[in-house]
Amino acid sequence: MSNELPAIVIVGRPNVGKSTLFNRITGQRRAIVGDEPGITRDRLSGIASYEGRRFELIDTGGIVVSDAEYIPSQILKQAKVALDRASHVVFLVDGRSELSSADLELAAMLRKLGKPVTLAVNKADTGAKEALMHEFYSLGIKDIFPVSAEHGLGMDMFLDHITAGIPETVNEPEEHRIRVAIIGRPNAGKSTLLNALLGEERAIVSPIAGTTRDSIDEEVERDGTNYVFIDTAGIRRKGKTKLMAEKLSVVMARRNIRMADVVIVVMDASEGVLGLDATIAGYAHEGGRSVILAVNKWDLISSGKKKEFEENVRYHLKFLEYAPVVFLSAKTNAGVNKLYPLIKECYESATKRVTTGELNRFVETLHFEERRILYITQTGVRPPSFILFTDKAGDLHFSHERYLINQLRKRFGFLGTPIELKIRGRVRKKDRKALK
């Protein structure tokens, strides 16, 4: 997200309602919310605004300061990165339960930062026990606000306080950023690829399958172009996902595909092309998004097998014949830099507009026996959509439609993006003029 905006960071123990508070303030369902502790593992960020004061809001994973287990220690590491950037810290506690040693340890760590810290006592609508209020003062944080992240109670006074030092901003039109969703099977290397693309250790990377549950947005500028990367949670088949977090991660991944301009489908070279790879890639294709197929962990495979592997990819993913295939190793960074120019080219293909004049000149070069194409006009982008007006009504034969799409690609490019065609029978002259 933008480094120019002040950052407000939410921290707290697992399951105190940080993701609910994040969603409440940003006004969007970006973080996965549920009763299972520790659902948010990475730090999430979003742009929020209150009374004209814009800021970046960062939601960290549930922190246990003294926990030495791999995932909690990585969460703490990510949280410290966020806290370094923070202009204000919100320490969230559960107003219905007594303070724990973890709360006291976290409060002590926050006090040492030398930054403004506000204590938000959540779930106040369920009746925070009066006896506990004295306990909250024992944390040594003077600014205390009772709130309900779920129902919005107490939010105005709380937001007034934490945004008090932020100047009001004039709304300026934002420059478009190419949104890139990274999807794939659990443990295919999505987070490692994100880190390689950003050049920093941004997402939690571990050998534990399914470590990333939420999706994380991160902005980067490369050669004058702004990109926003979304690292989606590892996708499992819905029927096999028993935990609520896993079911929701499938929903969130599909939502992020809809929000993206370009989708990178990450496959694990060491495991080959699996049926689940085709299912996941199908989500992107169905969404009409530009697609890049990234074969990761290629450092584990003999380089002489590239042609054979690509043929295998093409065989299993026939519906993605338009998607370029990139062989890379996110771990060693080999081949990763090929992605930036490719992402830009795929985005430009998906948003390309061809004039009716160019299309009509294109029509004259076609050799079509089934029917005569009178003219073509482009009706939309992302994906590029065209209407063909012909001398006969009815759909084109599959092979003729494929020929036409291939010829459009040959003439105008359209790398990495699906193309939509609609057929119309002969129209009257006056209607034809109205369409131009």
Protein backbone atom coordinates (compact mmCIF):
# COMPACT_ATOMS: atom_id res chain seq x y z
CA MET A 1 0.00 0.00 0.00
CA SER A 2 0.99 3.60 -0.28
CA ASN A 3 3.96 4.55 1.87
CA GLU A 4 2.83 8.20 1.91
CA LEU A 5 -0.16 7.54 4.15
CA PRO A 6 0.23 7.27 7.94
CA ALA A 7 -0.12 3.68 9.15
CA ILE A 8 -2.35 2.57 12.02
CA VAL A 9 -1.56 -0.96 13.20
CA ILE A 10 -3.95 -3.30 15.04
CA VAL A 11 -2.29 -5.80 17.40
CA GLY A 12 -3.56 -8.23 20.01
CA ARG A 13 -3.75 -11.83 21.10
CA PRO A 14 -5.40 -14.41 18.82
CA ASN A 15 -9.21 -14.34 18.60
CA VAL A 16 -9.87 -10.93 20.19
CA GLY A 17 -11.55 -9.54 17.05
CA LYS A 18 -8.74 -7.81 15.12
CA SER A 19 -10.01 -8.95 11.70
CA THR A 20 -13.56 -7.86 12.55
CA LEU A 21 -12.25 -4.42 13.58
CA PHE A 22 -10.15 -4.24 10.39
CA ASN A 23 -13.21 -5.04 8.26
CA ARG A 24 -15.34 -2.54 10.19
CA ILE A 25 -12.88 0.35 9.68
CA THR A 26 -11.96 -0.37 6.05
CA GLY A 27 -15.56 -1.12 5.11
CA GLN A 28 -14.67 -4.21 3.14
CA ARG A 29 -14.53 -7.93 3.86
CA ARG A 30 -10.80 -8.26 3.30
CA ALA A 31 -9.86 -10.32 6.34
CA ILE A 32 -11.36 -13.73 7.02
CA VAL A 33 -13.47 -13.63 10.20
CA GLY A 34 -14.41 -16.60 12.36
CA ASP A 35 -14.32 -18.20 15.79
CA GLU A 36 -11.28 -20.34 15.08
CA PRO A 37 -8.26 -18.76 16.84
CA GLY A 38 -5.34 -17.60 14.73
CA ILE A 39 -7.13 -17.32 11.39
CA THR A 40 -5.13 -14.23 10.37
CA ARG A 41 -1.46 -15.18 10.14
CA ASP A 42 0.05 -12.60 7.82
CA ARG A 43 -0.30 -8.87 8.14
CA LEU A 44 -3.09 -7.42 6.01
CA SER A 45 -3.34 -3.82 4.90
CA GLY A 46 -6.03 -1.63 3.43
CA ILE A 47 -6.69 2.05 2.83
CA ALA A 48 -9.30 3.56 5.16
CA SER A 49 -10.80 7.01 5.58
CA TYR A 50 -12.55 8.76 8.47
CA GLU A 51 -13.88 12.34 8.23
CA GLY A 52 -11.62 12.97 5.22
CA ARG A 53 -8.51 11.60 6.98
CA ARG A 54 -6.99 8.83 4.87
CA PHE A 55 -4.66 6.26 6.41
CA GLU A 56 -3.32 2.76 5.90
CA LEU A 57 -4.77 0.23 8.32
CA ILE A 58 -2.69 -2.88 9.05
CA ASP A 59 -4.11 -5.99 10.71
CA THR A 60 -1.48 -8.29 12.20
CA GLY A 61 -1.69 -11.97 13.07
CA GLY A 62 -2.58 -12.91 16.65
CA ILE A 63 0.57 -12.25 18.70
CA VAL A 64 1.91 -14.34 21.57
CA VAL A 65 5.23 -12.68 22.47
CA SER A 66 6.91 -15.65 24.16
CA ASP A 67 5.63 -18.41 21.87
CA ALA A 68 8.58 -20.07 20.14
CA GLU A 69 6.56 -22.17 17.68
CA TYR A 70 7.36 -21.48 14.03
CA ILE A 71 4.08 -19.87 12.93
CA PRO A 72 3.60 -17.64 16.04
CA SER A 73 7.24 -16.52 15.87
CA GLN A 74 6.80 -15.65 12.19
CA ILE A 75 3.60 -13.72 13.04
CA LEU A 76 5.56 -11.74 15.64
CA LYS A 77 8.28 -11.06 13.06
CA GLN A 78 5.69 -9.76 10.56
CA ALA A 79 3.97 -7.68 13.27
CA LYS A 80 7.28 -6.02 14.20
CA VAL A 81 7.77 -5.02 10.54
CA ALA A 82 4.33 -3.37 10.65
CA LEU A 83 5.00 -1.71 14.02
CA ASP A 84 8.19 -0.12 12.68
CA ARG A 85 6.01 1.76 10.16
CA ALA A 86 3.20 2.58 12.57
CA SER A 87 2.26 6.16 13.41
CA HIS A 88 -0.36 4.87 15.87
CA VAL A 89 -0.90 1.44 17.45
CA VAL A 90 -4.27 -0.01 18.46
CA PHE A 91 -3.95 -2.71 21.13
CA LEU A 92 -7.15 -4.77 21.02
CA VAL A 93 -8.28 -6.89 23.99
CA ASP A 94 -11.41 -8.93 24.68
CA GLY A 95 -13.60 -7.05 27.19
CA ARG A 96 -15.31 -10.26 28.34
CA SER A 97 -12.25 -12.13 29.55
CA GLU A 98 -9.58 -11.54 32.14
CA LEU A 99 -6.16 -10.31 31.06
CA SER A 100 -3.54 -12.97 30.51
CA SER A 101 0.24 -12.94 30.85
CA ALA A 102 0.34 -12.69 27.04
CA ASP A 103 -1.62 -9.39 27.23
CA LEU A 104 0.79 -8.02 29.83
CA GLU A 105 3.84 -9.06 27.78
CA LEU A 106 2.40 -7.49 24.65
CA ALA A 107 1.52 -4.25 26.48
CA ALA A 108 5.09 -4.03 27.81
CA MET A 109 6.47 -4.53 24.29
CA LEU A 110 4.19 -1.82 22.88
CA ARG A 111 5.06 0.72 25.59
CA LYS A 112 8.73 0.38 24.66
CA LEU A 113 8.02 1.45 21.07
CA GLY A 114 7.72 5.12 22.03
CA LYS A 115 4.68 5.47 19.72
CA PRO A 116 1.08 6.46 20.53
CA VAL A 117 -0.81 3.37 21.75
CA THR A 118 -4.59 3.20 22.24
CA LEU A 119 -6.26 0.34 24.10
CA ALA A 120 -9.52 -0.78 22.47
CA VAL A 121 -11.66 -3.01 24.70
CA ASN A 122 -13.69 -5.08 22.23
CA LYS A 123 -17.06 -6.84 22.59
CA ALA A 124 -18.20 -4.06 24.95
CA ASP A 125 -21.81 -4.55 23.76
CA THR A 126 -21.91 -7.94 25.49
CA GLY A 127 -21.20 -6.21 28.80
CA ALA A 128 -17.55 -5.86 29.65
CA LYS A 129 -17.42 -6.66 33.34
CA GLU A 130 -17.04 -3.53 35.46
CA ALA A 131 -14.54 -5.35 37.66
CA LEU A 132 -12.33 -5.96 34.63
CA MET A 133 -12.12 -2.25 33.70
CA HIS A 134 -9.66 -1.66 36.56
CA GLU A 135 -7.60 -4.54 35.20
CA PHE A 136 -7.30 -2.88 31.80
CA TYR A 137 -5.70 0.20 33.40
CA SER A 138 -3.02 -2.12 34.78
CA LEU A 139 -1.68 -2.46 31.22
CA GLY A 140 -0.22 1.04 31.57
CA ILE A 141 -2.01 2.50 28.53
CA LYS A 142 -3.92 5.68 29.40
CA ASP A 143 -6.18 5.97 26.33
CA ILE A 144 -8.90 3.31 26.67
CA PHE A 145 -12.00 3.00 24.46
CA PRO A 146 -14.77 0.39 24.81
CA VAL A 147 -15.94 -0.69 21.31
CA SER A 148 -17.87 -3.36 19.48
CA ALA A 149 -16.09 -4.19 16.23
CA GLU A 150 -18.95 -6.47 15.20
CA HIS A 151 -21.80 -3.99 15.77
CA GLY A 152 -19.98 -0.66 15.38
CA LEU A 153 -20.65 0.66 18.89
CA GLY A 154 -18.21 3.28 20.19
CA MET A 155 -16.45 3.53 16.82
CA ASP A 156 -16.88 7.29 16.25
CA MET A 157 -15.12 8.39 19.46
CA PHE A 158 -12.46 5.72 18.94
CA LEU A 159 -11.76 6.72 15.30
CA ASP A 160 -11.78 10.43 16.21
CA HIS A 161 -9.02 9.71 18.70
CA ILE A 162 -6.74 7.47 16.62
CA THR A 163 -6.98 9.72 13.52
CA ALA A 164 -6.68 13.04 15.39
CA GLY A 165 -3.17 13.76 14.10
CA ILE A 166 -3.94 12.91 10.45
CA PRO A 167 -4.59 15.89 8.15
CA GLU A 168 -7.70 15.90 5.95
CA THR A 169 -6.95 15.07 2.32
CA VAL A 170 -8.50 16.22 -0.92
CA ASN A 171 -9.77 13.30 -2.97
CA GLU A 172 -7.60 12.97 -6.06
CA PRO A 173 -8.22 10.43 -8.81
CA GLU A 174 -5.94 7.45 -8.26
CA GLU A 175 -3.64 6.30 -11.02
CA HIS A 176 -4.60 2.81 -12.12
CA ARG A 177 -2.52 0.03 -10.66
CA ILE A 178 -2.33 -3.39 -12.29
CA ARG A 179 -3.87 -5.79 -9.78
CA VAL A 180 -2.27 -9.23 -9.84
CA ALA A 181 -3.76 -12.22 -8.00
CA ILE A 182 -1.40 -15.09 -7.18
CA ILE A 183 -3.33 -18.37 -6.91
CA GLY A 184 -2.52 -22.06 -6.73
CA ARG A 185 -2.52 -25.22 -4.67
CA PRO A 186 -1.34 -25.03 -1.04
CA ASN A 187 2.45 -25.09 -0.75
CA ALA A 188 3.05 -24.47 -4.47
CA GLY A 189 5.22 -21.50 -3.53
CA LYS A 190 2.82 -18.56 -3.84
CA SER A 191 4.16 -16.68 -0.82
CA THR A 192 7.77 -17.33 -1.86
CA LEU A 193 6.94 -15.96 -5.30
CA LEU A 194 5.34 -12.86 -3.77
CA ASN A 195 8.46 -12.26 -1.68
CA ALA A 196 10.67 -12.71 -4.75
CA LEU A 197 8.59 -10.24 -6.76
CA LEU A 198 8.70 -7.67 -3.98
CA GLY A 199 12.34 -8.23 -3.13
CA GLU A 200 11.57 -8.54 0.57
CA GLU A 201 10.36 -11.12 3.06
CA ARG A 202 6.76 -10.00 3.04
CA ALA A 203 4.49 -13.03 3.43
CA ILE A 204 5.06 -15.80 5.94
CA VAL A 205 6.83 -18.64 4.12
CA SER A 206 7.05 -22.04 5.74
CA PRO A 207 7.13 -25.72 4.77
CA ILE A 208 3.68 -26.15 6.39
CA ALA A 209 1.04 -26.54 3.66
CA GLY A 210 -1.65 -23.87 3.77
CA THR A 211 0.29 -21.34 5.86
CA THR A 212 -1.29 -18.39 4.07
CA ARG A 213 -4.99 -18.24 4.91
CA ASP A 214 -5.92 -14.64 4.21
CA SER A 215 -4.88 -12.68 1.16
CA ILE A 216 -2.39 -9.83 1.39
CA ASP A 217 -2.14 -6.78 -0.84
CA GLU A 218 1.24 -5.21 -1.53
CA GLU A 219 2.03 -2.39 -3.94
CA VAL A 220 5.28 -2.07 -5.87
CA GLU A 221 6.48 0.20 -8.66
CA ARG A 222 8.58 -1.22 -11.49
CA ASP A 223 9.76 0.78 -14.53
CA GLY A 224 7.14 3.47 -13.99
CA THR A 225 4.20 1.04 -13.62
CA ASN A 226 2.39 0.39 -10.32
CA TYR A 227 1.44 -3.19 -9.45
CA VAL A 228 -0.67 -4.47 -6.58
CA PHE A 229 0.00 -8.12 -5.70
CA ILE A 230 -2.60 -10.22 -3.93
CA ASP A 231 -1.23 -13.42 -2.41
CA THR A 232 -4.35 -15.57 -2.04
CA ALA A 233 -4.74 -18.40 0.43
CA GLY A 234 -3.91 -21.92 -0.78
CA ILE A 235 -7.00 -23.37 -2.48
CA ARG A 236 -8.38 -26.80 -1.63
CA ARG A 237 -11.42 -28.44 -3.17
CA LYS A 238 -14.57 -27.24 -1.40
CA GLY A 239 -15.72 -30.78 -0.64
CA LYS A 240 -12.48 -31.54 1.17
CA THR A 241 -12.24 -28.34 3.21
CA LYS A 242 -13.59 -29.04 6.65
CA LEU A 243 -12.24 -26.05 8.54
CA MET A 244 -14.22 -22.86 8.08
CA ALA A 245 -11.05 -20.88 7.36
CA GLU A 246 -10.21 -23.16 4.44
CA LYS A 247 -13.73 -22.92 2.99
CA LEU A 248 -13.65 -19.15 3.29
CA SER A 249 -10.21 -18.97 1.70
CA VAL A 250 -11.66 -20.54 -1.48
CA VAL A 251 -14.39 -17.90 -1.52
CA MET A 252 -11.86 -15.11 -0.89
CA ALA A 253 -9.53 -16.42 -3.62
CA ARG A 254 -12.36 -16.41 -6.16
CA ARG A 255 -13.31 -12.90 -5.04
CA ASN A 256 -9.71 -11.73 -5.49
CA ILE A 257 -9.68 -13.21 -9.01
CA ARG A 258 -12.74 -11.09 -9.80
CA MET A 259 -10.93 -8.00 -8.47
CA ALA A 260 -7.70 -8.74 -10.37
CA ASP A 261 -6.53 -7.66 -13.80
CA VAL A 262 -4.00 -10.47 -14.22
CA VAL A 263 -3.90 -13.86 -12.47
CA ILE A 264 -0.71 -15.86 -11.95
CA VAL A 265 -1.47 -19.57 -11.53
CA VAL A 266 1.41 -21.14 -9.61
CA MET A 267 2.12 -24.85 -10.20
CA ASP A 268 4.63 -27.09 -8.47
CA ALA A 269 7.05 -28.54 -11.06
CA SER A 270 8.12 -31.31 -8.67
CA GLU A 271 4.54 -32.67 -8.54
CA GLY A 272 3.58 -32.20 -12.19
CA VAL A 273 0.23 -30.92 -13.44
CA LEU A 274 -2.58 -32.14 -11.21
CA GLY A 275 -6.35 -32.06 -11.61
CA LEU A 276 -6.58 -29.42 -8.88
CA ASP A 277 -4.27 -27.16 -10.94
CA ALA A 278 -6.84 -27.31 -13.76
CA THR A 279 -9.68 -26.55 -11.34
CA ILE A 280 -7.87 -23.52 -9.93
CA ALA A 281 -6.82 -22.26 -13.35
CA GLY A 282 -10.44 -22.69 -14.42
CA TYR A 283 -11.51 -20.13 -11.80
CA ALA A 284 -9.35 -17.50 -13.52
CA HIS A 285 -10.53 -18.48 -16.99
CA GLU A 286 -14.19 -18.37 -15.91
CA GLY A 287 -13.56 -14.93 -14.43
CA GLY A 288 -12.41 -13.66 -17.84
CA ARG A 289 -9.04 -12.58 -16.47
CA SER A 290 -5.63 -12.55 -18.12
CA VAL A 291 -3.68 -15.61 -17.04
CA ILE A 292 0.02 -16.43 -16.68
CA LEU A 293 0.99 -20.03 -15.87
CA ALA A 294 4.01 -20.04 -13.55
CA VAL A 295 5.77 -23.39 -13.19
CA ASN A 296 7.59 -22.98 -9.86
CA LYS A 297 10.43 -25.02 -8.31
CA TRP A 298 11.95 -25.55 -11.75
CA ASP A 299 15.38 -25.67 -10.06
CA LEU A 300 14.41 -29.19 -8.91
CA ILE A 301 13.86 -30.40 -12.51
CA SER A 302 16.28 -31.14 -15.33
CA SER A 303 16.32 -28.13 -17.69
CA GLY A 304 16.08 -30.43 -20.71
CA LYS A 305 12.51 -31.37 -19.77
CA LYS A 306 11.05 -27.90 -20.38
CA LYS A 307 9.42 -28.72 -23.74
CA GLU A 308 7.95 -31.96 -22.43
CA PHE A 309 6.57 -30.23 -19.32
CA GLU A 310 5.00 -27.40 -21.34
CA GLU A 311 3.30 -29.95 -23.63
CA ASN A 312 1.92 -31.60 -20.50
CA VAL A 313 0.63 -28.23 -19.24
CA ARG A 314 -1.02 -27.53 -22.60
CA TYR A 315 -2.60 -30.99 -22.65
CA HIS A 316 -4.16 -30.67 -19.18
CA LEU A 317 -5.09 -27.00 -19.52
CA LYS A 318 -6.42 -26.92 -23.08
CA PHE A 319 -8.81 -24.06 -22.24
CA LEU A 320 -5.79 -21.84 -21.44
CA GLU A 321 -4.05 -22.08 -24.80
CA TYR A 322 -3.73 -18.25 -24.72
CA ALA A 323 -1.83 -18.19 -21.40
CA PRO A 324 1.97 -17.88 -21.52
CA VAL A 325 3.98 -20.43 -19.52
CA VAL A 326 6.94 -19.25 -17.41
CA PHE A 327 9.42 -21.62 -15.79
CA LEU A 328 10.94 -20.20 -12.62
CA SER A 329 12.24 -20.81 -9.13
CA ALA A 330 10.81 -18.37 -6.60
CA LYS A 331 13.29 -19.70 -4.04
CA THR A 332 16.41 -18.92 -6.11
CA ASN A 333 14.80 -16.00 -7.98
CA ALA A 334 15.58 -17.61 -11.36
CA GLY A 335 13.11 -16.49 -14.03
CA VAL A 336 11.09 -14.28 -11.66
CA ASN A 337 12.03 -11.03 -13.43
CA LYS A 338 10.37 -12.30 -16.64
CA LEU A 339 7.02 -11.86 -14.91
CA TYR A 340 6.92 -8.04 -14.72
CA PRO A 341 7.01 -7.32 -18.48
CA LEU A 342 4.70 -10.28 -19.06
CA ILE A 343 2.13 -9.01 -16.52
CA LYS A 344 2.17 -5.59 -18.18
CA GLU A 345 1.78 -7.08 -21.66
CA CYS A 346 -1.12 -9.30 -20.54
CA TYR A 347 -2.84 -6.33 -18.89
CA GLU A 348 -2.40 -4.18 -22.01
CA SER A 349 -3.80 -7.04 -24.12
CA ALA A 350 -6.87 -7.36 -21.90
CA THR A 351 -7.57 -3.61 -22.06
CA LYS A 352 -6.73 -3.15 -25.76
CA ARG A 353 -9.35 -1.56 -28.01
CA VAL A 354 -9.36 -2.12 -31.76
CA THR A 355 -11.26 0.32 -33.97
CA THR A 356 -14.13 -0.87 -36.16
CA GLY A 357 -12.14 0.30 -39.20
CA GLU A 358 -9.18 -1.93 -38.27
CA LEU A 359 -11.53 -4.85 -37.63
CA ASN A 360 -13.24 -4.45 -40.98
CA ARG A 361 -9.88 -4.47 -42.76
CA PHE A 362 -9.10 -7.61 -40.75
CA VAL A 363 -12.37 -9.23 -41.91
CA GLU A 364 -11.31 -8.84 -45.55
CA THR A 365 -8.29 -11.10 -44.91
CA LEU A 366 -10.37 -13.99 -43.52
CA HIS A 367 -11.21 -17.14 -45.49
CA PHE A 368 -14.59 -18.19 -44.22
CA GLU A 369 -16.76 -20.75 -46.04
CA GLU A 370 -19.55 -21.33 -43.53
CA ARG A 371 -20.98 -17.78 -43.75
CA ARG A 372 -20.06 -14.25 -44.73
CA ILE A 373 -18.92 -11.91 -41.97
CA LEU A 374 -20.34 -8.48 -42.75
CA TYR A 375 -18.37 -6.65 -40.08
CA ILE A 376 -17.03 -6.87 -36.52
CA THR A 377 -17.13 -4.34 -33.70
CA GLN A 378 -15.48 -4.45 -30.27
CA THR A 379 -17.93 -4.03 -27.38
CA GLY A 380 -15.75 -4.36 -24.28
CA VAL A 381 -12.43 -5.05 -22.56
CA ARG A 382 -11.20 -7.26 -19.68
CA PRO A 383 -11.73 -9.55 -21.54
CA PRO A 384 -11.82 -8.15 -25.11
CA SER A 385 -15.35 -8.76 -26.42
CA PHE A 386 -16.52 -8.62 -30.03
CA ILE A 387 -19.81 -8.85 -31.92
CA LEU A 388 -19.76 -10.43 -35.38
CA PHE A 389 -22.54 -9.47 -37.78
CA THR A 390 -22.99 -12.23 -40.35
CA ASP A 391 -25.33 -13.08 -43.22
CA LYS A 392 -26.82 -16.00 -41.20
CA ALA A 393 -28.19 -16.26 -37.68
CA GLY A 394 -26.99 -18.87 -35.18
CA ASP A 395 -23.73 -19.76 -33.44
CA LEU A 396 -20.50 -20.44 -35.29
CA HIS A 397 -19.18 -23.98 -35.35
CA PHE A 398 -16.59 -24.48 -32.62
CA SER A 399 -13.74 -24.92 -35.11
CA HIS A 400 -14.70 -21.71 -36.96
CA GLU A 401 -14.90 -19.75 -33.71
CA ARG A 402 -11.47 -21.05 -32.74
CA TYR A 403 -10.07 -20.08 -36.15
CA LEU A 404 -11.46 -16.57 -35.79
CA ILE A 405 -10.05 -16.13 -32.27
CA ASN A 406 -6.65 -17.40 -33.41
CA GLN A 407 -6.67 -14.94 -36.31
CA LEU A 408 -7.58 -12.07 -33.96
CA ARG A 409 -4.62 -13.01 -31.77
CA LYS A 410 -2.31 -13.29 -34.78
CA ARG A 411 -3.31 -9.84 -36.02
CA PHE A 412 -3.76 -7.86 -32.78
CA GLY A 413 -1.85 -9.76 -30.08
CA PHE A 414 -4.16 -10.31 -27.10
CA LEU A 415 -1.52 -12.34 -25.21
CA GLY A 416 -2.71 -14.02 -22.04
CA THR A 417 -6.33 -12.91 -22.23
CA PRO A 418 -9.48 -14.81 -23.19
CA ILE A 419 -11.53 -13.36 -26.07
CA GLU A 420 -15.34 -13.34 -26.14
CA LEU A 421 -17.32 -13.53 -29.39
CA LYS A 422 -21.03 -12.97 -29.93
CA ILE A 423 -22.75 -13.64 -33.25
CA ARG A 424 -25.57 -11.58 -34.74
CA GLY A 425 -27.47 -12.34 -37.94
CA ARG A 426 -27.88 -9.80 -40.77
CA VAL A 427 -29.05 -6.38 -39.53
CA ARG A 428 -30.83 -3.58 -41.35
CA LYS A 429 -28.75 -0.75 -42.80
CA LYS A 430 -30.14 1.87 -40.39
CA ASP A 431 -29.34 -0.38 -37.39
CA ARG A 432 -25.82 -0.88 -38.70
CA LYS A 433 -25.30 2.89 -38.80
CA ALA A 434 -26.55 3.20 -35.22
CA LEU A 435 -24.00 0.64 -34.02
CA LYS A 436 -21.01 2.46 -35.51
